[in-house]
């Protein structure tokens, strides 16, 4: 699903993460910031990577560096300020 922006394969990520004794970084498919939270919480990943999510914007996939705010990341439960 890498680059397709259709969401992470949560079943696959959870299956792999639950079978490992080392941290798992999920990569491939994030369509929005909520997907980051889902893969961490529902998929049991320890970290999440995303590329297209931060580069393409809107229905026309215009190139725009798009970084979620600290507030949005906190609300999704994927970041906690120190």
PDB file of N, CA and C in Angstrom:
ATOM      1  N   UNK A   1       0.814  -1.201   0.000  1.00  0.00           N
ATOM      2  CA  UNK A   1       0.000   0.000   0.000  1.00  0.00           C
ATOM      3  C   UNK A   1       0.855   1.262   0.000  1.00  0.00           C
ATOM      4  N   UNK A   2       2.146   1.115  -0.047  1.00  0.00           N
ATOM      5  CA  UNK A   2       3.042   2.260   0.036  1.00  0.00           C
ATOM      6  C   UNK A   2       2.743   3.263  -1.075  1.00  0.00           C
ATOM      7  N   UNK A   3       2.507   4.517  -0.697  1.00  0.00           N
ATOM      8  CA  UNK A   3       2.227   5.581  -1.644  1.00  0.00           C
ATOM      9  C   UNK A   3       0.796   5.641  -2.132  1.00  0.00           C
ATOM     10  N   UNK A   4      -0.052   4.690  -1.756  1.00  0.00           N
ATOM     11  CA  UNK A   4      -1.422   4.648  -2.261  1.00  0.00           C
ATOM     12  C   UNK A   4      -2.405   5.431  -1.407  1.00  0.00           C
ATOM     13  N   UNK A   5      -2.011   5.776  -0.186  1.00  0.00           N
ATOM     14  CA  UNK A   5      -2.851   6.562   0.715  1.00  0.00           C
ATOM     15  C   UNK A   5      -4.224   5.923   0.929  1.00  0.00           C
ATOM     16  N   UNK A   6      -4.241   4.611   1.197  1.00  0.00           N
ATOM     17  CA  UNK A   6      -5.483   3.883   1.451  1.00  0.00           C
ATOM     18  C   UNK A   6      -5.554   3.365   2.881  1.00  0.00           C
ATOM     19  N   UNK A   7      -4.660   3.815   3.729  1.00  0.00           N
ATOM     20  CA  UNK A   7      -4.623   3.353   5.113  1.00  0.00           C
ATOM     21  C   UNK A   7      -3.682   2.166   5.264  1.00  0.00           C
ATOM     22  N   UNK A   8      -3.132   2.025   6.463  1.00  0.00           N
ATOM     23  CA  UNK A   8      -2.257   0.889   6.750  1.00  0.00           C
ATOM     24  C   UNK A   8      -3.085  -0.393   6.777  1.00  0.00           C
ATOM     25  N   UNK A   9      -2.458  -1.509   6.498  1.00  0.00           N
ATOM     26  CA  UNK A   9      -3.099  -2.816   6.629  1.00  0.00           C
ATOM     27  C   UNK A   9      -3.011  -3.197   8.109  1.00  0.00           C
ATOM     28  N   UNK A  10      -4.015  -2.797   8.884  1.00  0.00           N
ATOM     29  CA  UNK A  10      -3.967  -2.960  10.336  1.00  0.00           C
ATOM     30  C   UNK A  10      -3.874  -4.415  10.775  1.00  0.00           C
ATOM     31  N   UNK A  11      -4.568  -5.310  10.078  1.00  0.00           N
ATOM     32  CA  UNK A  11      -4.501  -6.736  10.440  1.00  0.00           C
ATOM     33  C   UNK A  11      -3.076  -7.260  10.278  1.00  0.00           C
ATOM     34  N   UNK A  12      -2.452  -6.910   9.169  1.00  0.00           N
ATOM     35  CA  UNK A  12      -1.086  -7.364   8.911  1.00  0.00           C
ATOM     36  C   UNK A  12      -0.117  -6.768   9.929  1.00  0.00           C
ATOM     37  N   UNK A  13      -0.223  -5.464  10.166  1.00  0.00           N
ATOM     38  CA  UNK A  13       0.678  -4.808  11.114  1.00  0.00           C
ATOM     39  C   UNK A  13       0.525  -5.423  12.503  1.00  0.00           C
ATOM     40  N   UNK A  14      -0.717  -5.607  12.952  1.00  0.00           N
ATOM     41  CA  UNK A  14      -0.961  -6.184  14.277  1.00  0.00           C
ATOM     42  C   UNK A  14      -0.393  -7.599  14.367  1.00  0.00           C
ATOM     43  N   UNK A  15      -0.609  -8.398  13.334  1.00  0.00           N
ATOM     44  CA  UNK A  15      -0.118  -9.771  13.318  1.00  0.00           C
ATOM     45  C   UNK A  15       1.405  -9.810  13.435  1.00  0.00           C
ATOM     46  N   UNK A  16       2.079  -8.959  12.690  1.00  0.00           N
ATOM     47  CA  UNK A  16       3.542  -8.924  12.735  1.00  0.00           C
ATOM     48  C   UNK A  16       4.020  -8.368  14.070  1.00  0.00           C
ATOM     49  N   UNK A  17       3.441  -7.238  14.497  1.00  0.00           N
ATOM     50  CA  UNK A  17       3.868  -6.595  15.749  1.00  0.00           C
ATOM     51  C   UNK A  17       3.704  -7.528  16.942  1.00  0.00           C
ATOM     52  N   UNK A  18       2.597  -8.241  16.988  1.00  0.00           N
ATOM     53  CA  UNK A  18       2.331  -9.134  18.118  1.00  0.00           C
ATOM     54  C   UNK A  18       3.245 -10.357  18.130  1.00  0.00           C
ATOM     55  N   UNK A  19       3.868 -10.654  16.987  1.00  0.00           N
ATOM     56  CA  UNK A  19       4.753 -11.803  16.911  1.00  0.00           C
ATOM     57  C   UNK A  19       6.226 -11.466  17.072  1.00  0.00           C
ATOM     58  N   UNK A  20       6.536 -10.195  17.239  1.00  0.00           N
ATOM     59  CA  UNK A  20       7.932  -9.763  17.353  1.00  0.00           C
ATOM     60  C   UNK A  20       8.333  -9.482  18.793  1.00  0.00           C
ATOM     61  N   UNK A  21       9.627  -9.552  19.033  1.00  0.00           N
ATOM     62  CA  UNK A  21      10.166  -9.155  20.336  1.00  0.00           C
ATOM     63  C   UNK A  21      10.967  -7.862  20.213  1.00  0.00           C
ATOM     64  N   UNK A  22      10.955  -7.273  19.011  1.00  0.00           N
ATOM     65  CA  UNK A  22      11.619  -5.990  18.772  1.00  0.00           C
ATOM     66  C   UNK A  22      10.568  -4.996  18.288  1.00  0.00           C
ATOM     67  N   UNK A  23      10.817  -3.700  18.415  1.00  0.00           N
ATOM     68  CA  UNK A  23       9.844  -2.701  17.965  1.00  0.00           C
ATOM     69  C   UNK A  23       9.592  -2.780  16.458  1.00  0.00           C
ATOM     70  N   UNK A  24       8.363  -2.475  16.063  1.00  0.00           N
ATOM     71  CA  UNK A  24       7.969  -2.479  14.655  1.00  0.00           C
ATOM     72  C   UNK A  24       7.625  -1.065  14.214  1.00  0.00           C
ATOM     73  N   UNK A  25       8.171  -0.647  13.072  1.00  0.00           N
ATOM     74  CA  UNK A  25       7.810   0.627  12.457  1.00  0.00           C
ATOM     75  C   UNK A  25       6.918   0.304  11.267  1.00  0.00           C
ATOM     76  N   UNK A  26       5.664   0.734  11.329  1.00  0.00           N
ATOM     77  CA  UNK A  26       4.725   0.498  10.231  1.00  0.00           C
ATOM     78  C   UNK A  26       4.973   1.528   9.134  1.00  0.00           C
ATOM     79  N   UNK A  27       4.927   1.080   7.890  1.00  0.00           N
ATOM     80  CA  UNK A  27       5.156   1.979   6.762  1.00  0.00           C
ATOM     81  C   UNK A  27       4.281   1.542   5.598  1.00  0.00           C
ATOM     82  N   UNK A  28       3.664   2.519   4.946  1.00  0.00           N
ATOM     83  CA  UNK A  28       2.940   2.220   3.726  1.00  0.00           C
ATOM     84  C   UNK A  28       1.444   2.383   3.821  1.00  0.00           C
ATOM     85  N   UNK A  29       0.936   3.503   3.291  1.00  0.00           N
ATOM     86  CA  UNK A  29      -0.495   3.648   3.142  1.00  0.00           C
ATOM     87  C   UNK A  29      -1.194   4.751   3.895  1.00  0.00           C
ATOM     88  N   UNK A  30      -0.513   5.478   4.762  1.00  0.00           N
ATOM     89  CA  UNK A  30      -1.196   6.507   5.565  1.00  0.00           C
ATOM     90  C   UNK A  30      -1.891   7.526   4.669  1.00  0.00           C
ATOM     91  N   UNK A  31      -3.189   7.745   4.932  1.00  0.00           N
ATOM     92  CA  UNK A  31      -3.936   8.734   4.146  1.00  0.00           C
ATOM     93  C   UNK A  31      -4.187  10.008   4.931  1.00  0.00           C
ATOM     94  N   UNK A  32      -4.168   9.916   6.263  1.00  0.00           N
ATOM     95  CA  UNK A  32      -4.384  11.101   7.103  1.00  0.00           C
ATOM     96  C   UNK A  32      -3.765  10.851   8.474  1.00  0.00           C
ATOM     97  N   UNK A  33      -3.775  11.886   9.297  1.00  0.00           N
ATOM     98  CA  UNK A  33      -3.153  11.777  10.619  1.00  0.00           C
ATOM     99  C   UNK A  33      -3.846  10.729  11.489  1.00  0.00           C
ATOM    100  N   UNK A  34      -5.134  10.527  11.295  1.00  0.00           N
ATOM    101  CA  UNK A  34      -5.855   9.521  12.077  1.00  0.00           C
ATOM    102  C   UNK A  34      -5.309   8.115  11.813  1.00  0.00           C
ATOM    103  N   UNK A  35      -4.837   7.863  10.589  1.00  0.00           N
ATOM    104  CA  UNK A  35      -4.240   6.559  10.286  1.00  0.00           C
ATOM    105  C   UNK A  35      -2.999   6.311  11.139  1.00  0.00           C
ATOM    106  N   UNK A  36      -2.249   7.367  11.434  1.00  0.00           N
ATOM    107  CA  UNK A  36      -1.070   7.220  12.293  1.00  0.00           C
ATOM    108  C   UNK A  36      -1.496   6.719  13.668  1.00  0.00           C
ATOM    109  N   UNK A  37      -2.546   7.316  14.213  1.00  0.00           N
ATOM    110  CA  UNK A  37      -3.054   6.883  15.513  1.00  0.00           C
ATOM    111  C   UNK A  37      -3.576   5.463  15.482  1.00  0.00           C
ATOM    112  N   UNK A  38      -4.302   5.113  14.414  1.00  0.00           N
ATOM    113  CA  UNK A  38      -4.862   3.759  14.301  1.00  0.00           C
ATOM    114  C   UNK A  38      -3.766   2.692  14.243  1.00  0.00           C
ATOM    115  N   UNK A  39      -2.716   2.951  13.465  1.00  0.00           N
ATOM    116  CA  UNK A  39      -1.680   1.924  13.329  1.00  0.00           C
ATOM    117  C   UNK A  39      -0.900   1.754  14.629  1.00  0.00           C
ATOM    118  N   UNK A  40      -0.781   2.823  15.413  1.00  0.00           N
ATOM    119  CA  UNK A  40      -0.092   2.716  16.701  1.00  0.00           C
ATOM    120  C   UNK A  40      -0.966   2.031  17.743  1.00  0.00           C
ATOM    121  N   UNK A  41      -2.223   2.409  17.811  1.00  0.00           N
ATOM    122  CA  UNK A  41      -3.106   1.895  18.854  1.00  0.00           C
ATOM    123  C   UNK A  41      -3.764   0.568  18.474  1.00  0.00           C
ATOM    124  N   UNK A  42      -4.348   0.494  17.292  1.00  0.00           N
ATOM    125  CA  UNK A  42      -5.028  -0.733  16.870  1.00  0.00           C
ATOM    126  C   UNK A  42      -4.066  -1.746  16.250  1.00  0.00           C
ATOM    127  N   UNK A  43      -3.043  -1.237  15.559  1.00  0.00           N
ATOM    128  CA  UNK A  43      -2.089  -2.122  14.895  1.00  0.00           C
ATOM    129  C   UNK A  43      -0.930  -2.551  15.775  1.00  0.00           C
ATOM    130  N   UNK A  44      -0.820  -1.944  16.958  1.00  0.00           N
ATOM    131  CA  UNK A  44       0.226  -2.276  17.933  1.00  0.00           C
ATOM    132  C   UNK A  44       1.633  -1.961  17.442  1.00  0.00           C
ATOM    133  N   UNK A  45       1.760  -1.108  16.412  1.00  0.00           N
ATOM    134  CA  UNK A  45       3.089  -0.689  15.950  1.00  0.00           C
ATOM    135  C   UNK A  45       3.709   0.233  16.993  1.00  0.00           C
ATOM    136  N   UNK A  46       5.023   0.254  17.043  1.00  0.00           N
ATOM    137  CA  UNK A  46       5.731   1.119  17.985  1.00  0.00           C
ATOM    138  C   UNK A  46       5.987   2.501  17.391  1.00  0.00           C
ATOM    139  N   UNK A  47       5.999   2.587  16.063  1.00  0.00           N
ATOM    140  CA  UNK A  47       6.203   3.850  15.359  1.00  0.00           C
ATOM    141  C   UNK A  47       5.558   3.722  13.987  1.00  0.00           C
ATOM    142  N   UNK A  48       5.339   4.863  13.341  1.00  0.00           N
ATOM    143  CA  UNK A  48       4.726   4.854  12.016  1.00  0.00           C
ATOM    144  C   UNK A  48       5.490   5.793  11.097  1.00  0.00           C
ATOM    145  N   UNK A  49       5.697   5.355   9.874  1.00  0.00           N
ATOM    146  CA  UNK A  49       6.336   6.177   8.855  1.00  0.00           C
ATOM    147  C   UNK A  49       5.277   6.578   7.837  1.00  0.00           C
ATOM    148  N   UNK A  50       5.431   7.761   7.279  1.00  0.00           N
ATOM    149  CA  UNK A  50       4.492   8.240   6.259  1.00  0.00           C
ATOM    150  C   UNK A  50       5.237   9.187   5.333  1.00  0.00           C
ATOM    151  N   UNK A  51       4.956   9.113   4.066  1.00  0.00           N
ATOM    152  CA  UNK A  51       5.600   9.984   3.092  1.00  0.00           C
ATOM    153  C   UNK A  51       4.584  10.834   2.353  1.00  0.00           C
ATOM    154  N   UNK A  52       3.741  10.192   1.547  1.00  0.00           N
ATOM    155  CA  UNK A  52       2.769  10.910   0.721  1.00  0.00           C
ATOM    156  C   UNK A  52       1.856  11.794   1.552  1.00  0.00           C
ATOM    157  N   UNK A  53       1.536  11.348   2.757  1.00  0.00           N
ATOM    158  CA  UNK A  53       0.672  12.113   3.657  1.00  0.00           C
ATOM    159  C   UNK A  53       1.200  13.526   3.870  1.00  0.00           C
ATOM    160  N   UNK A  54       2.519  13.681   3.920  1.00  0.00           N
ATOM    161  CA  UNK A  54       3.126  14.976   4.201  1.00  0.00           C
ATOM    162  C   UNK A  54       3.508  15.757   2.947  1.00  0.00           C
ATOM    163  N   UNK A  55       3.316  15.157   1.773  1.00  0.00           N
ATOM    164  CA  UNK A  55       3.726  15.813   0.535  1.00  0.00           C
ATOM    165  C   UNK A  55       2.534  16.219  -0.331  1.00  0.00           C
ATOM    166  N   UNK A  56       1.527  15.359  -0.439  1.00  0.00           N
ATOM    167  CA  UNK A  56       0.392  15.628  -1.327  1.00  0.00           C
ATOM    168  C   UNK A  56      -0.799  16.137  -0.539  1.00  0.00           C
ATOM    169  N   UNK A  57      -1.555  17.067  -1.146  1.00  0.00           N
ATOM    170  CA  UNK A  57      -2.664  17.708  -0.447  1.00  0.00           C
ATOM    171  C   UNK A  57      -3.869  17.848  -1.357  1.00  0.00           C
ATOM    172  N   UNK A  58      -5.051  17.574  -0.812  1.00  0.00           N
ATOM    173  CA  UNK A  58      -6.307  17.819  -1.512  1.00  0.00           C
ATOM    174  C   UNK A  58      -6.644  16.773  -2.550  1.00  0.00           C
ATOM    175  N   UNK A  59      -7.832  16.919  -3.163  1.00  0.00           N
ATOM    176  CA  UNK A  59      -8.309  15.919  -4.124  1.00  0.00           C
ATOM    177  C   UNK A  59      -7.442  15.826  -5.378  1.00  0.00           C
ATOM    178  N   UNK A  60      -6.734  16.900  -5.711  1.00  0.00           N
ATOM    179  CA  UNK A  60      -5.875  16.883  -6.895  1.00  0.00           C
ATOM    180  C   UNK A  60      -4.455  16.445  -6.565  1.00  0.00           C
ATOM    181  N   UNK A  61      -4.214  16.127  -5.296  1.00  0.00           N
ATOM    182  CA  UNK A  61      -2.896  15.688  -4.828  1.00  0.00           C
ATOM    183  C   UNK A  61      -1.811  16.704  -5.192  1.00  0.00           C
ATOM    184  N   UNK A  62      -2.124  17.967  -4.941  1.00  0.00           N
ATOM    185  CA  UNK A  62      -1.145  19.024  -5.180  1.00  0.00           C
ATOM    186  C   UNK A  62       0.050  18.811  -4.257  1.00  0.00           C
ATOM    187  N   UNK A  63       1.231  19.108  -4.776  1.00  0.00           N
ATOM    188  CA  UNK A  63       2.436  18.948  -3.965  1.00  0.00           C
ATOM    189  C   UNK A  63       2.496  20.089  -2.960  1.00  0.00           C
ATOM    190  N   UNK A  64       2.474  19.716  -1.695  1.00  0.00           N
ATOM    191  CA  UNK A  64       2.508  20.691  -0.611  1.00  0.00           C
ATOM    192  C   UNK A  64       3.007  19.970   0.625  1.00  0.00           C
ATOM    193  N   UNK A  65       4.058  20.481   1.204  1.00  0.00           N
ATOM    194  CA  UNK A  65       4.528  19.868   2.442  1.00  0.00           C
ATOM    195  C   UNK A  65       3.486  20.162   3.510  1.00  0.00           C
ATOM    196  N   UNK A  66       2.903  19.119   4.078  1.00  0.00           N
ATOM    197  CA  UNK A  66       1.780  19.224   5.001  1.00  0.00           C
ATOM    198  C   UNK A  66       2.131  18.480   6.289  1.00  0.00           C
ATOM    199  N   UNK A  67       2.383  19.218   7.344  1.00  0.00           N
ATOM    200  CA  UNK A  67       2.773  18.613   8.613  1.00  0.00           C
ATOM    201  C   UNK A  67       1.677  18.879   9.640  1.00  0.00           C
ATOM    202  N   UNK A  68       1.166  17.835  10.313  1.00  0.00           N
ATOM    203  CA  UNK A  68       0.124  18.059  11.323  1.00  0.00           C
ATOM    204  C   UNK A  68       0.666  18.885  12.486  1.00  0.00           C
ATOM    205  N   UNK A  69      -0.210  19.672  13.076  1.00  0.00           N
ATOM    206  CA  UNK A  69       0.191  20.506  14.210  1.00  0.00           C
ATOM    207  C   UNK A  69       0.416  19.643  15.448  1.00  0.00           C
ATOM    208  N   UNK A  70       1.137  20.195  16.413  1.00  0.00           N
ATOM    209  CA  UNK A  70       1.366  19.488  17.675  1.00  0.00           C
ATOM    210  C   UNK A  70       0.031  19.190  18.350  1.00  0.00           C
ATOM    211  N   UNK A  71      -0.902  20.135  18.268  1.00  0.00           N
ATOM    212  CA  UNK A  71      -2.229  19.948  18.870  1.00  0.00           C
ATOM    213  C   UNK A  71      -2.954  18.761  18.238  1.00  0.00           C
ATOM    214  N   UNK A  72      -2.902  18.656  16.901  1.00  0.00           N
ATOM    215  CA  UNK A  72      -3.569  17.548  16.218  1.00  0.00           C
ATOM    216  C   UNK A  72      -2.931  16.207  16.597  1.00  0.00           C
ATOM    217  N   UNK A  73      -1.611  16.161  16.667  1.00  0.00           N
ATOM    218  CA  UNK A  73      -0.928  14.931  17.046  1.00  0.00           C
ATOM    219  C   UNK A  73      -1.266  14.525  18.475  1.00  0.00           C
ATOM    220  N   UNK A  74      -1.368  15.495  19.378  1.00  0.00           N
ATOM    221  CA  UNK A  74      -1.749  15.205  20.770  1.00  0.00           C
ATOM    222  C   UNK A  74      -3.173  14.667  20.831  1.00  0.00           C
ATOM    223  N   UNK A  75      -4.084  15.294  20.083  1.00  0.00           N
ATOM    224  CA  UNK A  75      -5.485  14.876  20.064  1.00  0.00           C
ATOM    225  C   UNK A  75      -5.629  13.437  19.564  1.00  0.00           C
ATOM    226  N   UNK A  76      -4.787  13.045  18.612  1.00  0.00           N
ATOM    227  CA  UNK A  76      -4.833  11.693  18.064  1.00  0.00           C
ATOM    228  C   UNK A  76      -4.120  10.678  18.949  1.00  0.00           C
ATOM    229  N   UNK A  77      -3.420  11.172  19.953  1.00  0.00           N
ATOM    230  CA  UNK A  77      -2.728  10.278  20.874  1.00  0.00           C
ATOM    231  C   UNK A  77      -1.423   9.719  20.348  1.00  0.00           C
ATOM    232  N   UNK A  78      -0.828  10.387  19.353  1.00  0.00           N
ATOM    233  CA  UNK A  78       0.431   9.895  18.795  1.00  0.00           C
ATOM    234  C   UNK A  78       1.626  10.730  19.243  1.00  0.00           C
ATOM    235  N   UNK A  79       1.387  11.747  20.061  1.00  0.00           N
ATOM    236  CA  UNK A  79       2.467  12.611  20.541  1.00  0.00           C
ATOM    237  C   UNK A  79       2.084  13.167  21.896  1.00  0.00           C
ATOM    238  N   UNK A  80       3.056  13.223  22.775  1.00  0.00           N
ATOM    239  CA  UNK A  80       2.848  13.830  24.087  1.00  0.00           C
ATOM    240  C   UNK A  80       3.998  14.789  24.345  1.00  0.00           C
ATOM    241  N   UNK A  81       3.707  16.084  24.511  1.00  0.00           N
ATOM    242  CA  UNK A  81       4.792  17.031  24.775  1.00  0.00           C
ATOM    243  C   UNK A  81       5.434  16.729  26.119  1.00  0.00           C
ATOM    244  N   UNK A  82       6.695  17.064  26.223  1.00  0.00           N
ATOM    245  CA  UNK A  82       7.423  16.810  27.484  1.00  0.00           C
ATOM    246  C   UNK A  82       7.194  17.914  28.460  1.00  0.00           C
TER     247      UNK A  82
END
